[in-house]
Amino acid sequence: MLDVINSGSELFCVRCEVRGDRAQVSFVGELDPYTDHYADDALDALAKQGIRHFRIDASDLTYVGSSGVNVLARLLSAHPTSIVTLVGASPLFLRLLRATGMDAHLALIS
């Protein structure tokens, strides 16, 4: 079964496609301290529905800072059995993940 969920604002949007215990999650726009709660809420809601495999597509982010790292850290902290794959992260986002050590907790796909 496929469920599509959209949430967010003018500056940031989360799109989710759910199949079983897997979710394809796309972050679109600016992921910053003003919009990160949309990402947190969507990921937490998915985890509470039993999603354990998250494939997060960051290729449509126009801006991401430490808030992006924090979103992933909060997901993994709250749901430590989850498997998170990050796709399409910008060089800056990858640098932040490596600097904070978060890259060791994710599967990264360019």
Protein backbone atom coordinates (compact mmCIF):
# COMPACT_ATOMS: atom_id res chain seq x y z
CA MET A 1 0.00 0.00 0.00
CA LEU A 2 1.24 3.49 -0.82
CA ASP A 3 0.38 6.47 1.36
CA VAL A 4 1.51 9.94 0.32
CA ILE A 5 1.77 12.60 2.99
CA ASN A 6 2.64 16.26 2.37
CA SER A 7 3.27 18.76 5.14
CA GLY A 8 5.13 22.00 5.60
CA SER A 9 5.00 25.66 4.69
CA GLU A 10 5.89 27.93 1.79
CA LEU A 11 9.59 27.63 2.63
CA PHE A 12 9.83 23.92 3.39
CA CYS A 13 7.87 20.81 2.55
CA VAL A 14 8.07 17.15 3.56
CA ARG A 15 6.74 14.59 1.11
CA CYS A 16 6.42 10.98 2.22
CA GLU A 17 5.59 7.78 0.41
CA VAL A 18 4.98 4.78 2.66
CA ARG A 19 5.19 1.12 1.71
CA GLY A 20 4.98 -1.32 4.58
CA ASP A 21 7.66 -0.44 7.15
CA ARG A 22 9.56 1.75 4.66
CA ALA A 23 9.20 5.42 3.84
CA GLN A 24 10.64 7.55 1.06
CA VAL A 25 10.85 11.03 2.57
CA SER A 26 11.70 14.08 0.47
CA PHE A 27 12.76 17.35 2.04
CA VAL A 28 12.10 20.32 -0.24
CA GLY A 29 13.12 23.95 0.34
CA GLU A 30 14.87 25.47 3.34
CA LEU A 31 15.58 23.27 6.37
CA ASP A 32 16.43 25.71 9.15
CA PRO A 33 15.42 26.48 12.76
CA TYR A 34 12.10 27.92 11.54
CA THR A 35 11.09 24.86 9.51
CA ASP A 36 12.80 21.88 11.17
CA HIS A 37 9.70 21.09 13.25
CA TYR A 38 7.90 20.04 10.06
CA ALA A 39 10.62 17.46 9.40
CA ASP A 40 10.63 16.32 13.04
CA ASP A 41 6.85 15.96 13.14
CA ALA A 42 6.68 14.00 9.87
CA LEU A 43 9.51 11.63 10.80
CA ASP A 44 8.17 11.06 14.31
CA ALA A 45 4.66 10.37 12.97
CA LEU A 46 6.09 7.84 10.51
CA ALA A 47 8.12 6.11 13.22
CA LYS A 48 5.03 5.89 15.43
CA GLN A 49 3.23 4.18 12.52
CA GLY A 50 5.90 1.49 12.53
CA ILE A 51 8.25 2.82 9.86
CA ARG A 52 11.77 1.57 10.55
CA HIS A 53 13.47 2.18 7.20
CA PHE A 54 13.76 5.82 6.20
CA ARG A 55 15.17 6.86 2.82
CA ILE A 56 15.51 10.63 3.08
CA ASP A 57 16.03 12.55 -0.15
CA ALA A 58 17.79 15.87 0.48
CA SER A 59 18.44 16.71 -3.18
CA ASP A 60 15.70 19.37 -3.29
CA LEU A 61 16.91 21.29 -0.25
CA THR A 62 17.83 24.84 -1.22
CA TYR A 63 19.32 25.52 2.22
CA VAL A 64 20.36 23.27 5.06
CA GLY A 65 22.41 24.02 8.13
CA SER A 66 22.87 22.42 11.50
CA SER A 67 19.09 22.00 11.75
CA GLY A 68 19.35 19.22 9.18
CA VAL A 69 21.87 17.38 11.32
CA ASN A 70 19.69 17.92 14.39
CA VAL A 71 16.60 16.49 12.65
CA LEU A 72 18.48 13.28 11.84
CA ALA A 73 20.00 13.09 15.33
CA ARG A 74 16.59 13.48 16.97
CA LEU A 75 15.11 10.76 14.75
CA LEU A 76 17.87 8.30 15.59
CA SER A 77 17.83 9.22 19.28
CA ALA A 78 14.06 8.80 19.63
CA HIS A 79 13.92 5.69 17.43
CA PRO A 80 17.31 3.97 17.72
CA THR A 81 16.27 0.84 15.81
CA SER A 82 15.51 2.87 12.68
CA ILE A 83 17.65 2.55 9.57
CA VAL A 84 18.24 5.89 7.86
CA THR A 85 19.61 6.35 4.36
CA LEU A 86 20.32 9.91 3.20
CA VAL A 87 20.29 10.54 -0.54
CA GLY A 88 21.37 13.61 -2.47
CA ALA A 89 22.93 15.60 0.37
CA SER A 90 24.82 18.71 -0.73
CA PRO A 91 28.57 18.97 -0.09
CA LEU A 92 27.85 21.38 2.78
CA PHE A 93 25.34 19.00 4.38
CA LEU A 94 27.81 16.12 4.03
CA ARG A 95 30.55 18.24 5.62
CA LEU A 96 28.25 19.01 8.58
CA LEU A 97 27.38 15.34 8.98
CA ARG A 98 31.05 14.35 8.96
CA ALA A 99 32.07 17.14 11.34
CA THR A 100 29.47 16.06 13.88
CA GLY A 101 30.04 12.31 13.46
CA MET A 102 26.46 11.76 12.28
CA ASP A 103 27.73 10.20 9.06
CA ALA A 104 28.66 7.10 11.07
CA HIS A 105 24.97 6.55 11.93
CA LEU A 106 23.57 6.89 8.40
CA ALA A 107 23.92 5.27 5.03
CA LEU A 108 24.95 8.06 2.65
CA ILE A 109 24.21 7.91 -1.07
CA SER A 110 25.39 10.72 -3.36
